[in-house]
């Protein structure tokens, strides 16, 4: 008993169709990424910070309270950060590069990290 001679041909055709669909989707994504790069999409505008303490407070309310608690006195995941005995540079380094189980906060520019640092030091006094 021999199988149908059409099965190998149908299988090859099906693999070809799937491969074409996958490669087409990949090509479309690559083209969109290239167009976005050419149009400057994804480039962030530098943030102008007038009052670093006010800006730092707003930024810390967006991210820090999720782990360090609403009053920054420690949360379910992160330790207290409202009584830090560090410099602005040290805190900024921790924000941008992470420390221990805290991941790097790459969404913040160096200026924003400095603003958060200045705010944290202002509430530590």
PDB file of N, CA and C in Angstrom:
ATOM      1  N   UNK A   1       0.844  -1.185   0.000  1.00  0.00           N
ATOM      2  CA  UNK A   1       0.000   0.000   0.000  1.00  0.00           C
ATOM      3  C   UNK A   1       0.880   1.235   0.000  1.00  0.00           C
ATOM      4  N   UNK A   2       0.689   1.970  -0.983  1.00  0.00           N
ATOM      5  CA  UNK A   2       1.431   3.210  -1.098  1.00  0.00           C
ATOM      6  C   UNK A   2       0.501   4.371  -0.776  1.00  0.00           C
ATOM      7  N   UNK A   3       1.128   5.441  -0.218  1.00  0.00           N
ATOM      8  CA  UNK A   3       0.347   6.627   0.076  1.00  0.00           C
ATOM      9  C   UNK A   3       0.103   7.424  -1.189  1.00  0.00           C
ATOM     10  N   UNK A   4      -0.704   8.403  -1.068  1.00  0.00           N
ATOM     11  CA  UNK A   4      -1.019   9.250  -2.211  1.00  0.00           C
ATOM     12  C   UNK A   4       0.225  10.017  -2.637  1.00  0.00           C
ATOM     13  N   UNK A   5       0.515  10.067  -3.930  1.00  0.00           N
ATOM     14  CA  UNK A   5       1.696  10.805  -4.395  1.00  0.00           C
ATOM     15  C   UNK A   5       1.528  12.319  -4.249  1.00  0.00           C
ATOM     16  N   UNK A   6       0.334  12.794  -3.961  1.00  0.00           N
ATOM     17  CA  UNK A   6       0.108  14.235  -3.818  1.00  0.00           C
ATOM     18  C   UNK A   6       0.488  14.754  -2.433  1.00  0.00           C
ATOM     19  N   UNK A   7       0.586  13.895  -1.431  1.00  0.00           N
ATOM     20  CA  UNK A   7       0.870  14.332  -0.061  1.00  0.00           C
ATOM     21  C   UNK A   7       2.201  15.061   0.045  1.00  0.00           C
ATOM     22  N   UNK A   8       3.309  14.555  -0.495  1.00  0.00           N
ATOM     23  CA  UNK A   8       4.563  15.308  -0.384  1.00  0.00           C
ATOM     24  C   UNK A   8       4.487  16.681  -1.061  1.00  0.00           C
ATOM     25  N   UNK A   9       3.829  16.739  -2.201  1.00  0.00           N
ATOM     26  CA  UNK A   9       3.705  18.014  -2.904  1.00  0.00           C
ATOM     27  C   UNK A   9       2.840  19.004  -2.114  1.00  0.00           C
ATOM     28  N   UNK A  10       1.765  18.526  -1.529  1.00  0.00           N
ATOM     29  CA  UNK A  10       0.891  19.379  -0.726  1.00  0.00           C
ATOM     30  C   UNK A  10       1.628  19.877   0.520  1.00  0.00           C
ATOM     31  N   UNK A  11       2.413  19.018   1.131  1.00  0.00           N
ATOM     32  CA  UNK A  11       3.182  19.398   2.312  1.00  0.00           C
ATOM     33  C   UNK A  11       4.217  20.468   1.964  1.00  0.00           C
ATOM     34  N   UNK A  12       4.914  20.299   0.859  1.00  0.00           N
ATOM     35  CA  UNK A  12       5.900  21.298   0.422  1.00  0.00           C
ATOM     36  C   UNK A  12       5.211  22.622   0.118  1.00  0.00           C
ATOM     37  N   UNK A  13       4.054  22.576  -0.530  1.00  0.00           N
ATOM     38  CA  UNK A  13       3.317  23.794  -0.840  1.00  0.00           C
ATOM     39  C   UNK A  13       2.873  24.512   0.442  1.00  0.00           C
ATOM     40  N   UNK A  14       2.391  23.746   1.414  1.00  0.00           N
ATOM     41  CA  UNK A  14       1.950  24.333   2.683  1.00  0.00           C
ATOM     42  C   UNK A  14       3.122  24.985   3.415  1.00  0.00           C
ATOM     43  N   UNK A  15       4.263  24.329   3.463  1.00  0.00           N
ATOM     44  CA  UNK A  15       5.455  24.901   4.104  1.00  0.00           C
ATOM     45  C   UNK A  15       5.861  26.181   3.381  1.00  0.00           C
ATOM     46  N   UNK A  16       5.797  26.190   2.068  1.00  0.00           N
ATOM     47  CA  UNK A  16       6.142  27.379   1.288  1.00  0.00           C
ATOM     48  C   UNK A  16       5.225  28.551   1.591  1.00  0.00           C
ATOM     49  N   UNK A  17       3.942  28.287   1.698  1.00  0.00           N
ATOM     50  CA  UNK A  17       2.968  29.347   1.987  1.00  0.00           C
ATOM     51  C   UNK A  17       3.213  29.922   3.387  1.00  0.00           C
ATOM     52  N   UNK A  18       3.431  29.053   4.372  1.00  0.00           N
ATOM     53  CA  UNK A  18       3.701  29.522   5.740  1.00  0.00           C
ATOM     54  C   UNK A  18       4.987  30.333   5.776  1.00  0.00           C
ATOM     55  N   UNK A  19       6.013  29.852   5.094  1.00  0.00           N
ATOM     56  CA  UNK A  19       7.287  30.565   5.058  1.00  0.00           C
ATOM     57  C   UNK A  19       7.139  31.937   4.412  1.00  0.00           C
ATOM     58  N   UNK A  20       6.360  32.038   3.329  1.00  0.00           N
ATOM     59  CA  UNK A  20       6.118  33.336   2.682  1.00  0.00           C
ATOM     60  C   UNK A  20       5.413  34.295   3.637  1.00  0.00           C
ATOM     61  N   UNK A  21       4.427  33.813   4.377  1.00  0.00           N
ATOM     62  CA  UNK A  21       3.686  34.679   5.302  1.00  0.00           C
ATOM     63  C   UNK A  21       4.601  35.187   6.411  1.00  0.00           C
ATOM     64  N   UNK A  22       5.424  34.313   6.960  1.00  0.00           N
ATOM     65  CA  UNK A  22       6.333  34.713   8.038  1.00  0.00           C
ATOM     66  C   UNK A  22       7.346  35.733   7.531  1.00  0.00           C
ATOM     67  N   UNK A  23       7.936  35.467   6.386  1.00  0.00           N
ATOM     68  CA  UNK A  23       8.944  36.382   5.849  1.00  0.00           C
ATOM     69  C   UNK A  23       8.327  37.724   5.460  1.00  0.00           C
ATOM     70  N   UNK A  24       7.100  37.713   4.964  1.00  0.00           N
ATOM     71  CA  UNK A  24       6.418  38.963   4.633  1.00  0.00           C
ATOM     72  C   UNK A  24       6.173  39.802   5.883  1.00  0.00           C
ATOM     73  N   UNK A  25       5.716  39.157   6.942  1.00  0.00           N
ATOM     74  CA  UNK A  25       5.475  39.885   8.194  1.00  0.00           C
ATOM     75  C   UNK A  25       6.776  40.463   8.726  1.00  0.00           C
ATOM     76  N   UNK A  26       7.850  39.689   8.663  1.00  0.00           N
ATOM     77  CA  UNK A  26       9.156  40.177   9.114  1.00  0.00           C
ATOM     78  C   UNK A  26       9.588  41.379   8.282  1.00  0.00           C
ATOM     79  N   UNK A  27       9.418  41.297   6.974  1.00  0.00           N
ATOM     80  CA  UNK A  27       9.800  42.403   6.089  1.00  0.00           C
ATOM     81  C   UNK A  27       8.996  43.662   6.367  1.00  0.00           C
ATOM     82  N   UNK A  28       7.713  43.523   6.611  1.00  0.00           N
ATOM     83  CA  UNK A  28       6.871  44.684   6.922  1.00  0.00           C
ATOM     84  C   UNK A  28       7.344  45.336   8.217  1.00  0.00           C
ATOM     85  N   UNK A  29       7.639  44.532   9.232  1.00  0.00           N
ATOM     86  CA  UNK A  29       8.127  45.090  10.499  1.00  0.00           C
ATOM     87  C   UNK A  29       9.455  45.804  10.314  1.00  0.00           C
ATOM     88  N   UNK A  30      10.345  45.225   9.544  1.00  0.00           N
ATOM     89  CA  UNK A  30      11.643  45.863   9.281  1.00  0.00           C
ATOM     90  C   UNK A  30      11.462  47.176   8.532  1.00  0.00           C
ATOM     91  N   UNK A  31      10.579  47.196   7.537  1.00  0.00           N
ATOM     92  CA  UNK A  31      10.321  48.424   6.776  1.00  0.00           C
ATOM     93  C   UNK A  31       9.746  49.502   7.692  1.00  0.00           C
ATOM     94  N   UNK A  32       8.804  49.138   8.551  1.00  0.00           N
ATOM     95  CA  UNK A  32       8.223  50.119   9.479  1.00  0.00           C
ATOM     96  C   UNK A  32       9.272  50.665  10.440  1.00  0.00           C
ATOM     97  N   UNK A  33      10.150  49.806  10.916  1.00  0.00           N
ATOM     98  CA  UNK A  33      11.209  50.256  11.818  1.00  0.00           C
ATOM     99  C   UNK A  33      12.165  51.203  11.097  1.00  0.00           C
ATOM    100  N   UNK A  34      12.492  50.891   9.854  1.00  0.00           N
ATOM    101  CA  UNK A  34      13.391  51.746   9.089  1.00  0.00           C
ATOM    102  C   UNK A  34      12.740  53.103   8.804  1.00  0.00           C
ATOM    103  N   UNK A  35      11.460  53.104   8.451  1.00  0.00           N
ATOM    104  CA  UNK A  35      10.751  54.363   8.211  1.00  0.00           C
ATOM    105  C   UNK A  35      10.680  55.198   9.481  1.00  0.00           C
ATOM    106  N   UNK A  36      10.426  54.549  10.611  1.00  0.00           N
ATOM    107  CA  UNK A  36      10.359  55.274  11.880  1.00  0.00           C
ATOM    108  C   UNK A  36      11.715  55.885  12.205  1.00  0.00           C
ATOM    109  N   UNK A  37      12.783  55.165  11.932  1.00  0.00           N
ATOM    110  CA  UNK A  37      14.127  55.678  12.195  1.00  0.00           C
ATOM    111  C   UNK A  37      14.440  56.861  11.286  1.00  0.00           C
ATOM    112  N   UNK A  38      14.048  56.762  10.025  1.00  0.00           N
ATOM    113  CA  UNK A  38      14.286  57.853   9.083  1.00  0.00           C
ATOM    114  C   UNK A  38      13.487  59.100   9.444  1.00  0.00           C
ATOM    115  N   UNK A  39      12.292  58.908   9.977  1.00  0.00           N
ATOM    116  CA  UNK A  39      11.432  60.039  10.349  1.00  0.00           C
ATOM    117  C   UNK A  39      11.745  60.576  11.733  1.00  0.00           C
ATOM    118  N   UNK A  40      12.698  59.967  12.420  1.00  0.00           N
ATOM    119  CA  UNK A  40      13.074  60.446  13.745  1.00  0.00           C
ATOM    120  C   UNK A  40      12.142  59.993  14.846  1.00  0.00           C
ATOM    121  N   UNK A  41      11.272  59.036  14.566  1.00  0.00           N
ATOM    122  CA  UNK A  41      10.383  58.527  15.609  1.00  0.00           C
ATOM    123  C   UNK A  41      11.213  57.798  16.643  1.00  0.00           C
ATOM    124  N   UNK A  42      10.814  57.906  17.875  1.00  0.00           N
ATOM    125  CA  UNK A  42      11.527  57.244  18.952  1.00  0.00           C
ATOM    126  C   UNK A  42      12.590  58.118  19.582  1.00  0.00           C
ATOM    127  N   UNK A  43      12.916  59.237  18.926  1.00  0.00           N
ATOM    128  CA  UNK A  43      13.883  60.148  19.524  1.00  0.00           C
ATOM    129  C   UNK A  43      13.160  61.011  20.539  1.00  0.00           C
ATOM    130  N   UNK A  44      13.670  61.025  21.740  1.00  0.00           N
ATOM    131  CA  UNK A  44      13.030  61.795  22.784  1.00  0.00           C
ATOM    132  C   UNK A  44      13.581  63.212  22.797  1.00  0.00           C
ATOM    133  N   UNK A  45      12.691  64.144  22.995  1.00  0.00           N
ATOM    134  CA  UNK A  45      13.090  65.531  23.133  1.00  0.00           C
ATOM    135  C   UNK A  45      13.706  65.718  24.512  1.00  0.00           C
ATOM    136  N   UNK A  46      14.755  66.522  24.615  1.00  0.00           N
ATOM    137  CA  UNK A  46      15.310  66.778  25.940  1.00  0.00           C
ATOM    138  C   UNK A  46      14.264  67.462  26.825  1.00  0.00           C
ATOM    139  N   UNK A  47      14.191  67.021  28.044  1.00  0.00           N
ATOM    140  CA  UNK A  47      13.205  67.572  28.974  1.00  0.00           C
ATOM    141  C   UNK A  47      13.793  68.809  29.639  1.00  0.00           C
ATOM    142  N   UNK A  48      13.034  69.867  29.626  1.00  0.00           N
ATOM    143  CA  UNK A  48      13.443  71.115  30.271  1.00  0.00           C
ATOM    144  C   UNK A  48      12.876  71.099  31.687  1.00  0.00           C
ATOM    145  N   UNK A  49      13.750  71.129  32.667  1.00  0.00           N
ATOM    146  CA  UNK A  49      13.315  71.077  34.058  1.00  0.00           C
ATOM    147  C   UNK A  49      13.611  72.414  34.709  1.00  0.00           C
ATOM    148  N   UNK A  50      12.528  73.150  35.053  1.00  0.00           N
ATOM    149  CA  UNK A  50      12.691  74.455  35.681  1.00  0.00           C
ATOM    150  C   UNK A  50      13.015  74.318  37.162  1.00  0.00           C
ATOM    151  N   UNK A  51      12.221  73.553  37.880  1.00  0.00           N
ATOM    152  CA  UNK A  51      12.430  73.337  39.314  1.00  0.00           C
ATOM    153  C   UNK A  51      12.645  71.846  39.533  1.00  0.00           C
ATOM    154  N   UNK A  52      13.897  71.430  39.770  1.00  0.00           N
ATOM    155  CA  UNK A  52      14.170  69.993  39.860  1.00  0.00           C
ATOM    156  C   UNK A  52      13.431  69.288  40.990  1.00  0.00           C
ATOM    157  N   UNK A  53      13.179  69.971  42.079  1.00  0.00           N
ATOM    158  CA  UNK A  53      12.499  69.315  43.204  1.00  0.00           C
ATOM    159  C   UNK A  53      11.041  69.036  42.856  1.00  0.00           C
ATOM    160  N   UNK A  54      10.374  70.002  42.222  1.00  0.00           N
ATOM    161  CA  UNK A  54       8.982  69.794  41.814  1.00  0.00           C
ATOM    162  C   UNK A  54       8.912  68.709  40.740  1.00  0.00           C
ATOM    163  N   UNK A  55       9.814  68.791  39.755  1.00  0.00           N
ATOM    164  CA  UNK A  55       9.839  67.777  38.696  1.00  0.00           C
ATOM    165  C   UNK A  55      10.174  66.408  39.278  1.00  0.00           C
ATOM    166  N   UNK A  56      11.115  66.355  40.212  1.00  0.00           N
ATOM    167  CA  UNK A  56      11.493  65.103  40.839  1.00  0.00           C
ATOM    168  C   UNK A  56      10.347  64.480  41.605  1.00  0.00           C
ATOM    169  N   UNK A  57       9.562  65.314  42.278  1.00  0.00           N
ATOM    170  CA  UNK A  57       8.399  64.796  43.007  1.00  0.00           C
ATOM    171  C   UNK A  57       7.393  64.183  42.042  1.00  0.00           C
ATOM    172  N   UNK A  58       7.121  64.872  40.930  1.00  0.00           N
ATOM    173  CA  UNK A  58       6.171  64.349  39.943  1.00  0.00           C
ATOM    174  C   UNK A  58       6.673  63.033  39.343  1.00  0.00           C
ATOM    175  N   UNK A  59       7.956  62.994  39.011  1.00  0.00           N
ATOM    176  CA  UNK A  59       8.526  61.783  38.420  1.00  0.00           C
ATOM    177  C   UNK A  59       8.528  60.619  39.412  1.00  0.00           C
ATOM    178  N   UNK A  60       8.828  60.910  40.675  1.00  0.00           N
ATOM    179  CA  UNK A  60       8.850  59.833  41.671  1.00  0.00           C
ATOM    180  C   UNK A  60       7.448  59.293  41.926  1.00  0.00           C
ATOM    181  N   UNK A  61       6.444  60.137  41.778  1.00  0.00           N
ATOM    182  CA  UNK A  61       5.061  59.678  41.954  1.00  0.00           C
ATOM    183  C   UNK A  61       4.644  58.758  40.809  1.00  0.00           C
ATOM    184  N   UNK A  62       5.305  58.875  39.666  1.00  0.00           N
ATOM    185  CA  UNK A  62       4.985  58.021  38.523  1.00  0.00           C
ATOM    186  C   UNK A  62       5.566  56.621  38.676  1.00  0.00           C
ATOM    187  N   UNK A  63       6.738  56.500  39.279  1.00  0.00           N
ATOM    188  CA  UNK A  63       7.401  55.193  39.302  1.00  0.00           C
ATOM    189  C   UNK A  63       7.780  54.713  40.688  1.00  0.00           C
ATOM    190  N   UNK A  64       8.383  55.563  41.480  1.00  0.00           N
ATOM    191  CA  UNK A  64       8.998  55.124  42.739  1.00  0.00           C
ATOM    192  C   UNK A  64       7.987  54.559  43.728  1.00  0.00           C
ATOM    193  N   UNK A  65       6.798  55.172  43.779  1.00  0.00           N
ATOM    194  CA  UNK A  65       5.826  54.751  44.793  1.00  0.00           C
ATOM    195  C   UNK A  65       5.311  53.336  44.553  1.00  0.00           C
ATOM    196  N   UNK A  66       5.457  52.847  43.320  1.00  0.00           N
ATOM    197  CA  UNK A  66       4.987  51.485  43.036  1.00  0.00           C
ATOM    198  C   UNK A  66       5.704  50.451  43.900  1.00  0.00           C
ATOM    199  N   UNK A  67       6.992  50.658  44.146  1.00  0.00           N
ATOM    200  CA  UNK A  67       7.769  49.689  44.932  1.00  0.00           C
ATOM    201  C   UNK A  67       8.125  50.212  46.324  1.00  0.00           C
ATOM    202  N   UNK A  68       8.340  51.515  46.433  1.00  0.00           N
ATOM    203  CA  UNK A  68       8.839  52.083  47.688  1.00  0.00           C
ATOM    204  C   UNK A  68       7.742  52.682  48.561  1.00  0.00           C
ATOM    205  N   UNK A  69       6.495  52.561  48.150  1.00  0.00           N
ATOM    206  CA  UNK A  69       5.371  53.041  48.952  1.00  0.00           C
ATOM    207  C   UNK A  69       5.022  54.493  48.670  1.00  0.00           C
ATOM    208  N   UNK A  70       3.790  54.867  48.999  1.00  0.00           N
ATOM    209  CA  UNK A  70       3.290  56.207  48.729  1.00  0.00           C
ATOM    210  C   UNK A  70       4.073  57.312  49.395  1.00  0.00           C
ATOM    211  N   UNK A  71       4.581  57.050  50.598  1.00  0.00           N
ATOM    212  CA  UNK A  71       5.369  58.063  51.299  1.00  0.00           C
ATOM    213  C   UNK A  71       6.866  57.780  51.174  1.00  0.00           C
ATOM    214  N   UNK A  72       7.214  56.814  50.325  1.00  0.00           N
ATOM    215  CA  UNK A  72       8.601  56.408  50.052  1.00  0.00           C
ATOM    216  C   UNK A  72       9.317  55.870  51.291  1.00  0.00           C
ATOM    217  N   UNK A  73       8.531  55.449  52.285  1.00  0.00           N
ATOM    218  CA  UNK A  73       9.093  54.908  53.518  1.00  0.00           C
ATOM    219  C   UNK A  73       9.224  53.393  53.457  1.00  0.00           C
ATOM    220  N   UNK A  74       9.148  52.843  52.278  1.00  0.00           N
ATOM    221  CA  UNK A  74       9.280  51.401  52.098  1.00  0.00           C
ATOM    222  C   UNK A  74       7.953  50.804  51.703  1.00  0.00           C
ATOM    223  N   UNK A  75       8.018  49.912  50.747  1.00  0.00           N
ATOM    224  CA  UNK A  75       6.804  49.261  50.270  1.00  0.00           C
ATOM    225  C   UNK A  75       6.950  47.766  50.365  1.00  0.00           C
ATOM    226  N   UNK A  76       6.085  47.081  49.686  1.00  0.00           N
ATOM    227  CA  UNK A  76       6.111  45.622  49.729  1.00  0.00           C
ATOM    228  C   UNK A  76       7.316  45.055  48.999  1.00  0.00           C
ATOM    229  N   UNK A  77       7.897  45.831  48.092  1.00  0.00           N
ATOM    230  CA  UNK A  77       9.024  45.347  47.306  1.00  0.00           C
ATOM    231  C   UNK A  77      10.307  46.098  47.629  1.00  0.00           C
ATOM    232  N   UNK A  78      10.226  47.415  47.711  1.00  0.00           N
ATOM    233  CA  UNK A  78      11.429  48.222  47.857  1.00  0.00           C
ATOM    234  C   UNK A  78      11.593  48.815  49.245  1.00  0.00           C
ATOM    235  N   UNK A  79      12.837  49.118  49.609  1.00  0.00           N
ATOM    236  CA  UNK A  79      13.108  49.712  50.922  1.00  0.00           C
ATOM    237  C   UNK A  79      12.755  51.204  50.958  1.00  0.00           C
ATOM    238  N   UNK A  80      12.854  51.783  52.133  1.00  0.00           N
ATOM    239  CA  UNK A  80      12.610  53.220  52.298  1.00  0.00           C
ATOM    240  C   UNK A  80      13.644  54.005  51.503  1.00  0.00           C
ATOM    241  N   UNK A  81      13.177  55.057  50.840  1.00  0.00           N
ATOM    242  CA  UNK A  81      14.101  55.934  50.126  1.00  0.00           C
ATOM    243  C   UNK A  81      13.859  57.392  50.502  1.00  0.00           C
ATOM    244  N   UNK A  82      13.170  57.604  51.604  1.00  0.00           N
ATOM    245  CA  UNK A  82      12.898  58.970  52.025  1.00  0.00           C
ATOM    246  C   UNK A  82      13.874  59.477  53.076  1.00  0.00           C
ATOM    247  N   UNK A  83      14.888  58.721  53.397  1.00  0.00           N
ATOM    248  CA  UNK A  83      15.881  59.158  54.374  1.00  0.00           C
ATOM    249  C   UNK A  83      17.282  58.789  53.908  1.00  0.00           C
ATOM    250  N   UNK A  84      17.545  59.002  52.650  1.00  0.00           N
ATOM    251  CA  UNK A  84      18.810  58.569  52.071  1.00  0.00           C
ATOM    252  C   UNK A  84      19.972  59.442  52.508  1.00  0.00           C
ATOM    253  N   UNK A  85      21.107  58.806  52.733  1.00  0.00           N
ATOM    254  CA  UNK A  85      22.337  59.514  53.083  1.00  0.00           C
ATOM    255  C   UNK A  85      23.332  59.316  51.931  1.00  0.00           C
ATOM    256  N   UNK A  86      22.897  59.726  50.740  1.00  0.00           N
ATOM    257  CA  UNK A  86      23.705  59.596  49.530  1.00  0.00           C
ATOM    258  C   UNK A  86      23.758  60.938  48.820  1.00  0.00           C
ATOM    259  N   UNK A  87      24.663  61.073  47.863  1.00  0.00           N
ATOM    260  CA  UNK A  87      24.748  62.304  47.074  1.00  0.00           C
ATOM    261  C   UNK A  87      23.788  62.215  45.885  1.00  0.00           C
ATOM    262  N   UNK A  88      23.560  63.351  45.241  1.00  0.00           N
ATOM    263  CA  UNK A  88      22.721  63.387  44.046  1.00  0.00           C
ATOM    264  C   UNK A  88      23.276  62.436  42.992  1.00  0.00           C
ATOM    265  N   UNK A  89      24.594  62.440  42.833  1.00  0.00           N
ATOM    266  CA  UNK A  89      25.228  61.591  41.822  1.00  0.00           C
ATOM    267  C   UNK A  89      25.029  60.104  42.136  1.00  0.00           C
ATOM    268  N   UNK A  90      25.146  59.740  43.410  1.00  0.00           N
ATOM    269  CA  UNK A  90      24.973  58.336  43.793  1.00  0.00           C
ATOM    270  C   UNK A  90      23.538  57.867  43.563  1.00  0.00           C
ATOM    271  N   UNK A  91      22.580  58.701  43.924  1.00  0.00           N
ATOM    272  CA  UNK A  91      21.174  58.336  43.730  1.00  0.00           C
ATOM    273  C   UNK A  91      20.857  58.258  42.237  1.00  0.00           C
ATOM    274  N   UNK A  92      21.352  59.222  41.462  1.00  0.00           N
ATOM    275  CA  UNK A  92      21.131  59.211  40.013  1.00  0.00           C
ATOM    276  C   UNK A  92      21.707  57.954  39.384  1.00  0.00           C
ATOM    277  N   UNK A  93      22.875  57.544  39.857  1.00  0.00           N
ATOM    278  CA  UNK A  93      23.499  56.331  39.340  1.00  0.00           C
ATOM    279  C   UNK A  93      22.623  55.110  39.631  1.00  0.00           C
ATOM    280  N   UNK A  94      22.064  55.049  40.822  1.00  0.00           N
ATOM    281  CA  UNK A  94      21.177  53.934  41.181  1.00  0.00           C
ATOM    282  C   UNK A  94      19.930  53.948  40.305  1.00  0.00           C
ATOM    283  N   UNK A  95      19.365  55.134  40.076  1.00  0.00           N
ATOM    284  CA  UNK A  95      18.157  55.245  39.250  1.00  0.00           C
ATOM    285  C   UNK A  95      18.450  54.765  37.835  1.00  0.00           C
ATOM    286  N   UNK A  96      19.559  55.215  37.268  1.00  0.00           N
ATOM    287  CA  UNK A  96      19.849  54.903  35.870  1.00  0.00           C
ATOM    288  C   UNK A  96      20.426  53.503  35.653  1.00  0.00           C
ATOM    289  N   UNK A  97      21.128  52.954  36.638  1.00  0.00           N
ATOM    290  CA  UNK A  97      21.795  51.667  36.448  1.00  0.00           C
ATOM    291  C   UNK A  97      21.223  50.541  37.306  1.00  0.00           C
ATOM    292  N   UNK A  98      20.334  50.880  38.225  1.00  0.00           N
ATOM    293  CA  UNK A  98      19.773  49.873  39.110  1.00  0.00           C
ATOM    294  C   UNK A  98      20.729  49.539  40.241  1.00  0.00           C
ATOM    295  N   UNK A  99      20.212  48.806  41.220  1.00  0.00           N
ATOM    296  CA  UNK A  99      21.021  48.403  42.367  1.00  0.00           C
ATOM    297  C   UNK A  99      20.319  47.241  43.047  1.00  0.00           C
ATOM    298  N   UNK A 100      21.028  46.152  43.249  1.00  0.00           N
ATOM    299  CA  UNK A 100      20.404  44.985  43.867  1.00  0.00           C
ATOM    300  C   UNK A 100      19.254  44.487  43.017  1.00  0.00           C
ATOM    301  N   UNK A 101      18.079  44.368  43.615  1.00  0.00           N
ATOM    302  CA  UNK A 101      16.928  43.879  42.863  1.00  0.00           C
ATOM    303  C   UNK A 101      16.191  44.990  42.114  1.00  0.00           C
ATOM    304  N   UNK A 102      16.627  46.250  42.309  1.00  0.00           N
ATOM    305  CA  UNK A 102      15.990  47.359  41.591  1.00  0.00           C
ATOM    306  C   UNK A 102      16.542  47.431  40.175  1.00  0.00           C
ATOM    307  N   UNK A 103      15.657  47.353  39.177  1.00  0.00           N
ATOM    308  CA  UNK A 103      16.136  47.435  37.793  1.00  0.00           C
ATOM    309  C   UNK A 103      16.463  48.881  37.419  1.00  0.00           C
ATOM    310  N   UNK A 104      17.273  49.037  36.397  1.00  0.00           N
ATOM    311  CA  UNK A 104      17.591  50.364  35.877  1.00  0.00           C
ATOM    312  C   UNK A 104      16.308  51.016  35.362  1.00  0.00           C
ATOM    313  N   UNK A 105      16.156  52.284  35.653  1.00  0.00           N
ATOM    314  CA  UNK A 105      14.986  53.035  35.210  1.00  0.00           C
ATOM    315  C   UNK A 105      15.363  53.791  33.937  1.00  0.00           C
ATOM    316  N   UNK A 106      15.408  53.069  32.837  1.00  0.00           N
ATOM    317  CA  UNK A 106      15.914  53.614  31.581  1.00  0.00           C
ATOM    318  C   UNK A 106      14.993  54.644  30.944  1.00  0.00           C
ATOM    319  N   UNK A 107      13.786  54.789  31.450  1.00  0.00           N
ATOM    320  CA  UNK A 107      12.876  55.771  30.877  1.00  0.00           C
ATOM    321  C   UNK A 107      13.256  57.200  31.271  1.00  0.00           C
ATOM    322  N   UNK A 108      14.161  57.342  32.239  1.00  0.00           N
ATOM    323  CA  UNK A 108      14.541  58.675  32.702  1.00  0.00           C
ATOM    324  C   UNK A 108      15.875  59.105  32.122  1.00  0.00           C
ATOM    325  N   UNK A 109      15.928  60.356  31.694  1.00  0.00           N
ATOM    326  CA  UNK A 109      17.185  60.935  31.241  1.00  0.00           C
ATOM    327  C   UNK A 109      18.050  61.239  32.466  1.00  0.00           C
ATOM    328  N   UNK A 110      19.296  61.607  32.220  1.00  0.00           N
ATOM    329  CA  UNK A 110      20.193  61.950  33.325  1.00  0.00           C
ATOM    330  C   UNK A 110      19.648  63.150  34.100  1.00  0.00           C
ATOM    331  N   UNK A 111      19.087  64.110  33.384  1.00  0.00           N
ATOM    332  CA  UNK A 111      18.533  65.300  34.044  1.00  0.00           C
ATOM    333  C   UNK A 111      17.320  64.935  34.911  1.00  0.00           C
ATOM    334  N   UNK A 112      16.493  64.035  34.428  1.00  0.00           N
ATOM    335  CA  UNK A 112      15.326  63.599  35.207  1.00  0.00           C
ATOM    336  C   UNK A 112      15.765  62.801  36.434  1.00  0.00           C
ATOM    337  N   UNK A 113      16.775  61.939  36.257  1.00  0.00           N
ATOM    338  CA  UNK A 113      17.292  61.170  37.395  1.00  0.00           C
ATOM    339  C   UNK A 113      17.868  62.109  38.450  1.00  0.00           C
ATOM    340  N   UNK A 114      18.548  63.169  38.017  1.00  0.00           N
ATOM    341  CA  UNK A 114      19.078  64.165  38.960  1.00  0.00           C
ATOM    342  C   UNK A 114      17.943  64.878  39.695  1.00  0.00           C
ATOM    343  N   UNK A 115      16.862  65.177  38.964  1.00  0.00           N
ATOM    344  CA  UNK A 115      15.714  65.848  39.594  1.00  0.00           C
ATOM    345  C   UNK A 115      15.089  64.954  40.657  1.00  0.00           C
ATOM    346  N   UNK A 116      14.926  63.673  40.354  1.00  0.00           N
ATOM    347  CA  UNK A 116      14.385  62.738  41.342  1.00  0.00           C
ATOM    348  C   UNK A 116      15.318  62.680  42.544  1.00  0.00           C
ATOM    349  N   UNK A 117      16.619  62.641  42.297  1.00  0.00           N
ATOM    350  CA  UNK A 117      17.617  62.582  43.368  1.00  0.00           C
ATOM    351  C   UNK A 117      17.515  63.805  44.267  1.00  0.00           C
ATOM    352  N   UNK A 118      17.391  64.972  43.654  1.00  0.00           N
ATOM    353  CA  UNK A 118      17.289  66.203  44.447  1.00  0.00           C
ATOM    354  C   UNK A 118      16.008  66.213  45.273  1.00  0.00           C
ATOM    355  N   UNK A 119      14.918  65.715  44.699  1.00  0.00           N
ATOM    356  CA  UNK A 119      13.678  65.633  45.451  1.00  0.00           C
ATOM    357  C   UNK A 119      13.824  64.686  46.641  1.00  0.00           C
ATOM    358  N   UNK A 120      14.410  63.513  46.404  1.00  0.00           N
ATOM    359  CA  UNK A 120      14.581  62.544  47.496  1.00  0.00           C
ATOM    360  C   UNK A 120      15.453  63.115  48.604  1.00  0.00           C
ATOM    361  N   UNK A 121      16.478  63.860  48.236  1.00  0.00           N
ATOM    362  CA  UNK A 121      17.321  64.469  49.262  1.00  0.00           C
ATOM    363  C   UNK A 121      16.588  65.600  49.991  1.00  0.00           C
ATOM    364  N   UNK A 122      15.695  66.285  49.290  1.00  0.00           N
ATOM    365  CA  UNK A 122      14.950  67.379  49.928  1.00  0.00           C
ATOM    366  C   UNK A 122      13.987  66.854  50.980  1.00  0.00           C
ATOM    367  N   UNK A 123      13.449  65.640  50.793  1.00  0.00           N
ATOM    368  CA  UNK A 123      12.529  65.095  51.797  1.00  0.00           C
ATOM    369  C   UNK A 123      13.282  64.302  52.860  1.00  0.00           C
ATOM    370  N   UNK A 124      14.600  64.161  52.680  1.00  0.00           N
ATOM    371  CA  UNK A 124      15.414  63.433  53.655  1.00  0.00           C
ATOM    372  C   UNK A 124      15.951  64.359  54.738  1.00  0.00           C
ATOM    373  N   UNK A 125      15.794  65.638  54.544  1.00  0.00           N
ATOM    374  CA  UNK A 125      16.366  66.612  55.496  1.00  0.00           C
ATOM    375  C   UNK A 125      15.555  66.708  56.758  1.00  0.00           C
TER     376      UNK A 125
END
